[in-house]
C-alpha atoms as a PDB file:
ATOM      1  CA  MET A   1       0.135   0.469  -0.079  1.00  0.00           C
ATOM      2  CA  ASP A   2       1.704   3.590  -0.776  1.00  0.00           C
ATOM      3  CA  ASP A   3       1.823   6.158   1.637  1.00  0.00           C
ATOM      4  CA  ALA A   4      -1.078   8.304   0.042  1.00  0.00           C
ATOM      5  CA  ALA A   5      -3.718   4.844   0.309  1.00  0.00           C
ATOM      6  CA  GLU A   6      -2.216   4.682   4.054  1.00  0.00           C
ATOM      7  CA  ASP A   7      -2.759   7.686   5.771  1.00  0.00           C
ATOM      8  CA  GLY A   8      -5.870   8.988   3.728  1.00  0.00           C
ATOM      9  CA  VAL A   9      -4.946  11.588   2.281  1.00  0.00           C
ATOM     10  CA  GLU A  10      -5.170  12.853  -1.525  1.00  0.00           C
ATOM     11  CA  ARG A  11      -1.686  14.045  -3.092  1.00  0.00           C
ATOM     12  CA  THR A  12      -1.134  16.287  -5.852  1.00  0.00           C
ATOM     13  CA  PRO A  13       2.617  17.034  -7.722  1.00  0.00           C
ATOM     14  CA  ALA A  14       2.699  20.132  -5.014  1.00  0.00           C
ATOM     15  CA  GLY A  15       2.268  17.222  -1.862  1.00  0.00           C
ATOM     16  CA  ARG A  16      -0.692  16.958   0.292  1.00  0.00           C
ATOM     17  CA  ARG A  17      -4.055  18.459   0.300  1.00  0.00           C
ATOM     18  CA  PRO A  18      -6.193  17.876   2.731  1.00  0.00           C
ATOM     19  CA  ARG A  19      -9.853  16.071   2.030  1.00  0.00           C
ATOM     20  CA  SER A  20     -11.744  19.141   2.369  1.00  0.00           C
ATOM     21  CA  TRP A  21     -15.099  17.493   1.916  1.00  0.00           C
ATOM     22  CA  LEU A  22     -14.405  15.065   4.867  1.00  0.00           C
ATOM     23  CA  THR A  23     -13.209  17.874   6.933  1.00  0.00           C
ATOM     24  CA  ALA A  24     -16.020  20.227   6.447  1.00  0.00           C
ATOM     25  CA  LEU A  25     -18.646  17.061   7.434  1.00  0.00           C
ATOM     26  CA  LEU A  26     -17.116  16.503  10.877  1.00  0.00           C
ATOM     27  CA  VAL A  27     -16.879  20.161  11.376  1.00  0.00           C
ATOM     28  CA  THR A  28     -20.714  20.125  10.935  1.00  0.00           C
ATOM     29  CA  VAL A  29     -21.627  17.585  12.766  1.00  0.00           C
ATOM     30  CA  ILE A  30     -19.168  18.496  15.737  1.00  0.00           C
ATOM     31  CA  ALA A  31     -20.940  21.660  15.655  1.00  0.00           C
ATOM     32  CA  ALA A  32     -24.135  20.435  15.475  1.00  0.00           C
ATOM     33  CA  GLY A  33     -23.622  18.781  18.331  1.00  0.00           C
ATOM     34  CA  LEU A  34     -21.778  21.057  20.194  1.00  0.00           C
ATOM     35  CA  LEU A  35     -24.799  23.714  19.855  1.00  0.00           C
ATOM     36  CA  ALA A  36     -26.710  21.093  21.159  1.00  0.00           C
ATOM     37  CA  LEU A  37     -24.709  19.886  23.993  1.00  0.00           C
ATOM     38  CA  GLY A  38     -23.912  23.637  24.822  1.00  0.00           C
ATOM     39  CA  GLY A  39     -27.434  24.605  25.199  1.00  0.00           C
ATOM     40  CA  GLY A  40     -28.401  21.360  27.579  1.00  0.00           C
ATOM     41  CA  LEU A  41     -25.632  22.154  29.687  1.00  0.00           C
ATOM     42  CA  ALA A  42     -27.026  25.654  30.205  1.00  0.00           C
ATOM     43  CA  VAL A  43     -30.572  24.247  30.834  1.00  0.00           C
ATOM     44  CA  ALA A  44     -29.672  21.264  33.280  1.00  0.00           C
ATOM     45  CA  LEU A  45     -27.589  24.258  35.557  1.00  0.00           C
ATOM     46  CA  GLY A  46     -30.298  26.435  35.696  1.00  0.00           C
ATOM     47  CA  ILE A  47     -32.548  23.964  37.073  1.00  0.00           C
ATOM     48  CA  GLY A  48     -34.299  25.221  40.175  1.00  0.00           C
ATOM     49  CA  ARG A  49     -34.057  29.094  39.558  1.00  0.00           C
ATOM     50  CA  THR A  50     -36.852  31.193  40.500  1.00  0.00           C
ATOM     51  CA  ASP A  51     -34.902  34.614  39.415  1.00  0.00           C
ATOM     52  CA  GLN A  52     -34.261  35.171  36.431  1.00  0.00           C
ATOM     53  CA  PRO A  53     -32.975  37.565  34.192  1.00  0.00           C
ATOM     54  CA  ALA A  54     -35.474  40.550  32.208  1.00  0.00           C
ATOM     55  CA  ALA A  55     -35.339  40.694  28.330  1.00  0.00           C
ATOM     56  CA  ASP A  56     -34.026  44.439  29.013  1.00  0.00           C
ATOM     57  CA  SER A  57     -30.830  42.943  31.192  1.00  0.00           C
ATOM     58  CA  VAL A  58     -27.422  43.202  30.418  1.00  0.00           C
ATOM     59  CA  ASP A  59     -27.302  39.455  30.763  1.00  0.00           C
ATOM     60  CA  ALA A  60     -30.074  38.755  28.328  1.00  0.00           C
ATOM     61  CA  GLY A  61     -28.954  41.228  25.903  1.00  0.00           C
ATOM     62  CA  PHE A  62     -25.529  39.852  25.979  1.00  0.00           C
ATOM     63  CA  SER A  63     -26.726  36.506  25.306  1.00  0.00           C
ATOM     64  CA  ARG A  64     -28.686  37.751  22.287  1.00  0.00           C
ATOM     65  CA  ASP A  65     -26.230  39.894  20.874  1.00  0.00           C
ATOM     66  CA  MET A  66     -23.101  37.654  21.690  1.00  0.00           C
ATOM     67  CA  SER A  67     -24.428  34.746  20.289  1.00  0.00           C
ATOM     68  CA  ARG A  68     -25.539  35.875  16.631  1.00  0.00           C
ATOM     69  CA  HIS A  69     -22.120  37.492  16.671  1.00  0.00           C
ATOM     70  CA  HIS A  70     -20.593  34.210  17.280  1.00  0.00           C
ATOM     71  CA  LEU A  71     -22.832  32.589  14.827  1.00  0.00           C
ATOM     72  CA  GLN A  72     -21.533  34.869  12.075  1.00  0.00           C
ATOM     73  CA  ALA A  73     -17.679  34.259  12.888  1.00  0.00           C
ATOM     74  CA  VAL A  74     -18.642  30.458  12.880  1.00  0.00           C
ATOM     75  CA  GLU A  75     -20.128  30.768   9.190  1.00  0.00           C
ATOM     76  CA  MET A  76     -16.964  32.272   8.306  1.00  0.00           C
ATOM     77  CA  ALA A  77     -14.825  29.387  10.117  1.00  0.00           C
ATOM     78  CA  ASN A  78     -16.438  27.082   8.463  1.00  0.00           C
ATOM     79  CA  LEU A  79     -15.603  28.271   4.906  1.00  0.00           C
ATOM     80  CA  ALA A  80     -12.004  27.260   5.321  1.00  0.00           C
ATOM     81  CA  ALA A  81     -12.240  23.889   4.953  1.00  0.00           C
ATOM     82  CA  GLY A  82     -13.259  24.217   1.498  1.00  0.00           C
ATOM     83  CA  ARG A  83     -11.120  26.936   0.669  1.00  0.00           C
ATOM     84  CA  SER A  84      -8.021  27.100   2.421  1.00  0.00           C
ATOM     85  CA  THR A  85      -4.639  23.972   2.477  1.00  0.00           C
ATOM     86  CA  ASP A  86      -2.915  26.055   4.974  1.00  0.00           C
ATOM     87  CA  PRO A  87      -2.970  23.403   8.248  1.00  0.00           C
ATOM     88  CA  GLU A  88      -2.556  27.216  10.033  1.00  0.00           C
ATOM     89  CA  VAL A  89      -5.447  28.246   9.381  1.00  0.00           C
ATOM     90  CA  LEU A  90      -7.738  25.012   9.008  1.00  0.00           C
ATOM     91  CA  LEU A  91      -6.609  24.298  12.677  1.00  0.00           C
ATOM     92  CA  LEU A  92      -7.580  27.769  13.302  1.00  0.00           C
ATOM     93  CA  ALA A  93     -10.927  27.578  11.753  1.00  0.00           C
ATOM     94  CA  PHE A  94     -11.746  24.810  13.282  1.00  0.00           C
ATOM     95  CA  ASP A  95     -10.904  25.689  16.492  1.00  0.00           C
ATOM     96  CA  ILE A  96     -13.345  28.953  16.143  1.00  0.00           C
ATOM     97  CA  ALA A  97     -15.974  27.086  14.823  1.00  0.00           C
ATOM     98  CA  SER A  98     -16.228  24.573  17.515  1.00  0.00           C
ATOM     99  CA  THR A  99     -15.377  26.971  20.623  1.00  0.00           C
ATOM    100  CA  GLN A 100     -18.352  29.504  19.173  1.00  0.00           C
ATOM    101  CA  THR A 101     -20.999  26.684  18.572  1.00  0.00           C
ATOM    102  CA  ASN A 102     -20.800  25.480  21.938  1.00  0.00           C
ATOM    103  CA  GLN A 103     -20.526  29.196  23.572  1.00  0.00           C
ATOM    104  CA  ALA A 104     -23.394  30.203  21.426  1.00  0.00           C
ATOM    105  CA  GLY A 105     -25.287  27.183  22.431  1.00  0.00           C
ATOM    106  CA  ARG A 106     -25.273  28.064  25.915  1.00  0.00           C
ATOM    107  CA  MET A 107     -25.948  31.707  25.902  1.00  0.00           C
ATOM    108  CA  GLN A 108     -28.940  30.234  23.327  1.00  0.00           C
ATOM    109  CA  GLY A 109     -29.662  27.344  26.631  1.00  0.00           C
ATOM    110  CA  TRP A 110     -29.853  30.628  29.110  1.00  0.00           C
ATOM    111  CA  LEU A 111     -32.413  32.518  26.947  1.00  0.00           C
ATOM    112  CA  THR A 112     -34.455  29.450  26.445  1.00  0.00           C
ATOM    113  CA  LEU A 113     -34.082  28.821  30.306  1.00  0.00           C
ATOM    114  CA  TRP A 114     -35.067  32.385  31.135  1.00  0.00           C
ATOM    115  CA  GLY A 115     -38.087  32.162  28.438  1.00  0.00           C
ATOM    116  CA  LEU A 116     -36.649  35.344  26.985  1.00  0.00           C
ATOM    117  CA  PRO A 117     -36.284  35.596  22.689  1.00  0.00           C
ATOM    118  CA  LEU A 118     -33.585  34.581  21.139  1.00  0.00           C
ATOM    119  CA  THR A 119     -33.463  37.823  18.763  1.00  0.00           C
ATOM    120  CA  SER A 120     -34.190  41.003  19.460  1.00  0.00           C
ATOM    121  CA  GLY A 121     -34.376  44.398  17.205  1.00  0.00           C
ATOM    122  CA  ASP A 122     -32.761  46.440  20.331  1.00  0.00           C
ATOM    123  CA  THR A 123     -29.320  46.023  19.586  1.00  0.00           C
ATOM    124  CA  MET A 124     -26.483  46.231  22.003  1.00  0.00           C
ATOM    125  CA  GLY A 125     -29.339  48.623  23.737  1.00  0.00           C
ATOM    126  CA  TRP A 126     -28.374  46.613  26.825  1.00  0.00           C
ATOM    127  CA  MET A 127     -24.641  48.630  26.893  1.00  0.00           C
ATOM    128  CA  ASP A 128     -24.460  51.966  28.016  1.00  0.00           C
ATOM    129  CA  ASP A 129     -24.102  55.218  26.540  1.00  0.00           C
ATOM    130  CA  GLY A 130     -20.387  55.255  27.427  1.00  0.00           C
ATOM    131  CA  ALA A 131     -19.911  51.865  26.067  1.00  0.00           C
ATOM    132  CA  MET A 132     -20.805  52.600  22.970  1.00  0.00           C
ATOM    133  CA  ALA A 133     -18.457  55.880  22.521  1.00  0.00           C
ATOM    134  CA  GLY A 134     -17.397  55.697  18.989  1.00  0.00           C
ATOM    135  CA  HIS A 135     -19.769  53.158  17.717  1.00  0.00           C
ATOM    136  CA  ASP A 136     -22.825  55.181  16.126  1.00  0.00           C
ATOM    137  CA  MET A 137     -25.084  51.846  15.290  1.00  0.00           C
ATOM    138  CA  SER A 138     -27.843  53.846  13.969  1.00  0.00           C
ATOM    139  CA  GLY A 139     -26.795  52.723  10.342  1.00  0.00           C
ATOM    140  CA  MET A 140     -25.587  49.621  10.919  1.00  0.00           C
ATOM    141  CA  ALA A 141     -28.770  47.426  10.015  1.00  0.00           C
ATOM    142  CA  ALA A 142     -29.101  48.825   6.841  1.00  0.00           C
ATOM    143  CA  ALA A 143     -24.860  48.220   6.259  1.00  0.00           C
ATOM    144  CA  ASP A 144     -25.573  45.296   3.999  1.00  0.00           C
ATOM    145  CA  GLY A 145     -25.765  42.954   6.959  1.00  0.00           C
ATOM    146  CA  ALA A 146     -23.570  44.064   9.808  1.00  0.00           C
ATOM    147  CA  VAL A 147     -25.467  44.619  12.229  1.00  0.00           C
ATOM    148  CA  MET A 148     -22.976  44.826  15.290  1.00  0.00           C
ATOM    149  CA  PRO A 149     -19.414  45.718  15.311  1.00  0.00           C
ATOM    150  CA  GLY A 150     -16.754  43.897  13.755  1.00  0.00           C
ATOM    151  CA  MET A 151     -19.718  41.921  11.711  1.00  0.00           C
ATOM    152  CA  ALA A 152     -18.956  41.079   8.115  1.00  0.00           C
ATOM    153  CA  THR A 153     -21.006  42.668   5.548  1.00  0.00           C
ATOM    154  CA  GLU A 154     -22.898  40.289   3.272  1.00  0.00           C
ATOM    155  CA  ALA A 155     -20.635  41.472  -0.007  1.00  0.00           C
ATOM    156  CA  GLU A 156     -18.061  40.857   2.499  1.00  0.00           C
ATOM    157  CA  LEU A 157     -19.088  37.068   2.662  1.00  0.00           C
ATOM    158  CA  ALA A 158     -19.935  36.982  -0.739  1.00  0.00           C
ATOM    159  CA  GLU A 159     -15.938  37.653  -1.665  1.00  0.00           C
ATOM    160  CA  LEU A 160     -14.653  35.622   1.142  1.00  0.00           C
ATOM    161  CA  ARG A 161     -16.871  32.786  -0.618  1.00  0.00           C
ATOM    162  CA  SER A 162     -15.603  33.286  -3.929  1.00  0.00           C
ATOM    163  CA  LEU A 163     -11.816  32.989  -2.565  1.00  0.00           C
ATOM    164  CA  GLN A 164      -9.705  30.062  -2.635  1.00  0.00           C
ATOM    165  CA  GLY A 165      -6.059  29.504  -1.152  1.00  0.00           C
ATOM    166  CA  THR A 166      -3.797  31.969  -0.071  1.00  0.00           C
ATOM    167  CA  PRO A 167      -6.124  34.969  -1.103  1.00  0.00           C
ATOM    168  CA  PHE A 168      -8.540  33.226   1.265  1.00  0.00           C
ATOM    169  CA  ASP A 169      -6.402  32.896   4.310  1.00  0.00           C
ATOM    170  CA  VAL A 170      -5.604  36.568   4.385  1.00  0.00           C
ATOM    171  CA  ARG A 171      -9.535  37.662   3.655  1.00  0.00           C
ATOM    172  CA  PHE A 172     -10.146  35.146   6.281  1.00  0.00           C
ATOM    173  CA  LEU A 173      -7.982  36.557   9.070  1.00  0.00           C
ATOM    174  CA  GLN A 174      -8.459  40.205   7.886  1.00  0.00           C
ATOM    175  CA  LEU A 175     -11.952  39.524   8.481  1.00  0.00           C
ATOM    176  CA  MET A 176     -11.815  37.397  11.450  1.00  0.00           C
ATOM    177  CA  ILE A 177      -9.569  39.768  13.412  1.00  0.00           C
ATOM    178  CA  ARG A 178     -12.022  42.772  12.910  1.00  0.00           C
ATOM    179  CA  HIS A 179     -14.634  40.614  14.116  1.00  0.00           C
ATOM    180  CA  HIS A 180     -12.839  39.561  16.845  1.00  0.00           C
ATOM    181  CA  GLN A 181     -12.150  42.975  17.808  1.00  0.00           C
ATOM    182  CA  GLY A 182     -15.473  44.175  17.860  1.00  0.00           C
ATOM    183  CA  GLY A 183     -17.501  41.822  20.089  1.00  0.00           C
ATOM    184  CA  LEU A 184     -14.190  42.256  22.614  1.00  0.00           C
ATOM    185  CA  GLU A 185     -16.450  45.411  24.014  1.00  0.00           C
ATOM    186  CA  MET A 186     -19.565  43.264  24.220  1.00  0.00           C
ATOM    187  CA  ALA A 187     -17.722  40.785  26.465  1.00  0.00           C
ATOM    188  CA  GLU A 188     -15.921  43.359  28.502  1.00  0.00           C
ATOM    189  CA  TYR A 189     -19.079  45.039  29.208  1.00  0.00           C
ATOM    190  CA  GLY A 190     -20.889  41.970  29.949  1.00  0.00           C
ATOM    191  CA  ARG A 191     -17.836  40.633  32.417  1.00  0.00           C
ATOM    192  CA  GLN A 192     -18.051  43.854  34.403  1.00  0.00           C
ATOM    193  CA  HIS A 193     -22.167  44.300  34.454  1.00  0.00           C
ATOM    194  CA  ALA A 194     -23.971  40.854  33.711  1.00  0.00           C
ATOM    195  CA  GLY A 195     -25.567  40.084  37.190  1.00  0.00           C
ATOM    196  CA  GLU A 196     -25.590  36.190  36.545  1.00  0.00           C
ATOM    197  CA  ALA A 197     -22.562  34.781  37.295  1.00  0.00           C
ATOM    198  CA  VAL A 198     -22.498  32.239  34.435  1.00  0.00           C
ATOM    199  CA  VAL A 199     -22.726  35.277  32.302  1.00  0.00           C
ATOM    200  CA  ARG A 200     -19.787  37.052  33.608  1.00  0.00           C
ATOM    201  CA  GLY A 201     -17.680  34.216  33.403  1.00  0.00           C
ATOM    202  CA  LEU A 202     -18.769  33.093  29.844  1.00  0.00           C
ATOM    203  CA  ALA A 203     -18.072  36.997  28.675  1.00  0.00           C
ATOM    204  CA  ARG A 204     -14.275  36.696  30.762  1.00  0.00           C
ATOM    205  CA  SER A 205     -13.420  33.873  28.784  1.00  0.00           C
ATOM    206  CA  ILE A 206     -14.456  34.996  25.389  1.00  0.00           C
ATOM    207  CA  ALA A 207     -12.634  38.477  26.076  1.00  0.00           C
ATOM    208  CA  GLU A 208      -9.739  36.615  26.972  1.00  0.00           C
ATOM    209  CA  THR A 209      -9.708  34.132  23.610  1.00  0.00           C
ATOM    210  CA  GLN A 210     -10.687  36.324  21.972  1.00  0.00           C
ATOM    211  CA  THR A 211      -7.818  38.944  22.475  1.00  0.00           C
ATOM    212  CA  ALA A 212      -5.096  35.972  22.414  1.00  0.00           C
ATOM    213  CA  GLU A 213      -6.700  34.939  19.091  1.00  0.00           C
ATOM    214  CA  THR A 214      -5.937  38.403  17.725  1.00  0.00           C
ATOM    215  CA  THR A 215      -2.969  38.557  18.326  1.00  0.00           C
ATOM    216  CA  THR A 216      -1.957  35.243  16.701  1.00  0.00           C
ATOM    217  CA  MET A 217      -3.817  35.653  13.793  1.00  0.00           C
ATOM    218  CA  GLU A 218      -2.444  39.250  13.258  1.00  0.00           C
ATOM    219  CA  GLN A 219       0.947  37.662  13.074  1.00  0.00           C
ATOM    220  CA  MET A 220      -0.740  34.529  10.906  1.00  0.00           C
ATOM    221  CA  LEU A 221      -1.686  37.743   8.385  1.00  0.00           C
ATOM    222  CA  ARG A 222       1.565  39.072   8.244  1.00  0.00           C
ATOM    223  CA  ALA A 223       3.297  36.238   7.882  1.00  0.00           C
ATOM    224  CA  ARG A 224       1.241  35.579   4.730  1.00  0.00           C
ATOM    225  CA  GLY A 225       1.995  39.027   3.588  1.00  0.00           C
ATOM    226  CA  GLY A 226      -1.291  40.692   4.794  1.00  0.00           C
ATOM    227  CA  ALA A 227      -2.205  43.652   7.093  1.00  0.00           C
ATOM    228  CA  PRO A 228      -5.181  44.281   9.221  1.00  0.00           C
ATOM    229  CA  LEU A 229      -8.229  46.240   8.455  1.00  0.00           C
ATOM    230  CA  PRO A 230      -8.772  49.062   9.806  1.00  0.00           C
ATOM    231  CA  ALA A 231     -10.328  48.504  13.564  1.00  0.00           C
ATOM    232  CA  PRO A 232     -14.150  48.763  14.217  1.00  0.00           C
END
């Protein structure tokens, strides 16, 4: 048996290429499982509670908006499996997709437990004016799908889907760096102001993880000849 058959990886004259269809399938299956697990654990941990956050609370607002923010990051990360052949980019994308799917599941599980809707038209209304300084949200809903700071527009997502190889890697890193930067203020505000300890703990974890990932992605981007986009 030759090496290609033995390790299950297709080969080209340029070397190994990942079996993108299999990777994409595994990401989808794992993501679905983590979303269900995250939501189930969130509900289970809240059994027996009588005091619940209100719809306009920091806890509810953070859970709604951060889960929505996360799900776009998952959408972008899942594109990597069929478009990138860079092992570092593929590993980063897989980590982002699995981690943020789990976290989104936990936040949506809390909202379900509290009897609150998973979405709201009042995006980031749970943050005070001081925290929103520098972010004009008045036109965000009409800005081609970018409803929160750092989120990609529909045009940017369409562009990302059209790319392959290194051009994809560069654009993916640019958009994901900006995405992480945009979510950081929400995470920091949730960490400081949420009433529920589990919400504060998750917000702190998100802030720490995404700060570290942003530094890593900036280094990866420069190594591939790219430069970060302006911060949101």
